[in-house]
C-alpha atoms as a PDB file:
ATOM      1  CA  UNK A   1     111.568 108.609  99.600  1.00  0.00           C
ATOM      2  CA  UNK A   2     114.193 111.038 100.920  1.00  0.00           C
ATOM      3  CA  UNK A   3     115.426 111.640  97.376  1.00  0.00           C
ATOM      4  CA  UNK A   4     111.924 112.522  96.193  1.00  0.00           C
ATOM      5  CA  UNK A   5     111.343 114.828  99.153  1.00  0.00           C
ATOM      6  CA  UNK A   6     114.587 116.678  98.354  1.00  0.00           C
ATOM      7  CA  UNK A   7     113.409 117.177  94.770  1.00  0.00           C
ATOM      8  CA  UNK A   8     110.026 118.425  95.969  1.00  0.00           C
ATOM      9  CA  UNK A   9     111.760 120.875  98.307  1.00  0.00           C
ATOM     10  CA  UNK A  10     113.811 122.188  95.365  1.00  0.00           C
ATOM     11  CA  UNK A  11     110.641 122.593  93.312  1.00  0.00           C
ATOM     12  CA  UNK A  12     109.021 124.423  96.231  1.00  0.00           C
ATOM     13  CA  UNK A  13     111.921 126.846  96.290  1.00  0.00           C
ATOM     14  CA  UNK A  14     111.535 127.491  92.558  1.00  0.00           C
ATOM     15  CA  UNK A  15     107.792 128.011  92.923  1.00  0.00           C
ATOM     16  CA  UNK A  16     108.344 130.464  95.798  1.00  0.00           C
ATOM     17  CA  UNK A  17     110.683 132.496  93.603  1.00  0.00           C
ATOM     18  CA  UNK A  18     108.193 132.436  90.746  1.00  0.00           C
ATOM     19  CA  UNK A  19     105.382 133.613  93.026  1.00  0.00           C
ATOM     20  CA  UNK A  20     107.505 136.483  94.330  1.00  0.00           C
ATOM     21  CA  UNK A  21     108.384 137.584  90.797  1.00  0.00           C
ATOM     22  CA  UNK A  22     104.769 137.378  89.656  1.00  0.00           C
ATOM     23  CA  UNK A  23     103.574 139.377  92.666  1.00  0.00           C
ATOM     24  CA  UNK A  24     106.193 142.026  91.953  1.00  0.00           C
ATOM     25  CA  UNK A  25     105.176 142.127  88.277  1.00  0.00           C
ATOM     26  CA  UNK A  26     101.534 142.483  89.244  1.00  0.00           C
ATOM     27  CA  UNK A  27     102.255 145.250  91.737  1.00  0.00           C
ATOM     28  CA  UNK A  28     104.321 147.166  89.165  1.00  0.00           C
ATOM     29  CA  UNK A  29     101.495 147.171  86.619  1.00  0.00           C
ATOM     30  CA  UNK A  30      98.894 149.894  86.411  1.00  0.00           C
ATOM     31  CA  UNK A  31      95.727 149.658  88.447  1.00  0.00           C
ATOM     32  CA  UNK A  32      93.813 149.563  85.185  1.00  0.00           C
ATOM     33  CA  UNK A  33      95.747 146.487  84.049  1.00  0.00           C
ATOM     34  CA  UNK A  34      95.387 144.844  87.461  1.00  0.00           C
ATOM     35  CA  UNK A  35      91.623 145.184  87.219  1.00  0.00           C
ATOM     36  CA  UNK A  36      91.493 144.021  83.600  1.00  0.00           C
ATOM     37  CA  UNK A  37      90.680 140.481  82.543  1.00  0.00           C
ATOM     38  CA  UNK A  38      94.368 139.804  81.851  1.00  0.00           C
ATOM     39  CA  UNK A  39      95.347 141.144  85.257  1.00  0.00           C
ATOM     40  CA  UNK A  40      92.743 139.044  87.011  1.00  0.00           C
ATOM     41  CA  UNK A  41      93.839 135.921  85.124  1.00  0.00           C
ATOM     42  CA  UNK A  42      97.458 136.678  86.017  1.00  0.00           C
ATOM     43  CA  UNK A  43      96.533 137.001  89.693  1.00  0.00           C
ATOM     44  CA  UNK A  44      94.441 133.822  89.611  1.00  0.00           C
ATOM     45  CA  UNK A  45      97.391 131.865  88.210  1.00  0.00           C
ATOM     46  CA  UNK A  46      99.638 133.283  90.906  1.00  0.00           C
ATOM     47  CA  UNK A  47      97.110 132.260  93.548  1.00  0.00           C
ATOM     48  CA  UNK A  48      96.957 128.774  92.019  1.00  0.00           C
ATOM     49  CA  UNK A  49     100.742 128.517  92.242  1.00  0.00           C
ATOM     50  CA  UNK A  50     100.473 129.441  95.925  1.00  0.00           C
ATOM     51  CA  UNK A  51      97.883 126.704  96.457  1.00  0.00           C
ATOM     52  CA  UNK A  52     100.152 124.158  94.756  1.00  0.00           C
ATOM     53  CA  UNK A  53     103.074 125.301  96.885  1.00  0.00           C
ATOM     54  CA  UNK A  54     100.998 124.965 100.044  1.00  0.00           C
ATOM     55  CA  UNK A  55      99.986 121.421  99.055  1.00  0.00           C
ATOM     56  CA  UNK A  56     103.583 120.431  98.365  1.00  0.00           C
ATOM     57  CA  UNK A  57     104.758 121.878 101.671  1.00  0.00           C
ATOM     58  CA  UNK A  58     101.990 120.025 103.505  1.00  0.00           C
ATOM     59  CA  UNK A  59     102.908 116.811 101.715  1.00  0.00           C
ATOM     60  CA  UNK A  60     106.597 117.064 102.611  1.00  0.00           C
ATOM     61  CA  UNK A  61     105.685 117.837 106.221  1.00  0.00           C
ATOM     62  CA  UNK A  62     103.413 114.800 106.413  1.00  0.00           C
ATOM     63  CA  UNK A  63     106.069 112.541 104.902  1.00  0.00           C
ATOM     64  CA  UNK A  64     108.729 113.885 107.225  1.00  0.00           C
ATOM     65  CA  UNK A  65     106.775 112.982 110.343  1.00  0.00           C
END
């Protein structure tokens, strides 16, 4: 189980980096793009990544107890 938890922690780190990059990309786009359908979809996917990250972090915390 420890081996799996280490892999999940590595994935969490990668997801965190991806979220940061996506947020930076979103912030650097025009307000018009941010409010467009593409911008909203982009933001929704970023939010979904955050939800997945939160679930993984919760899971590793529960398993570590």
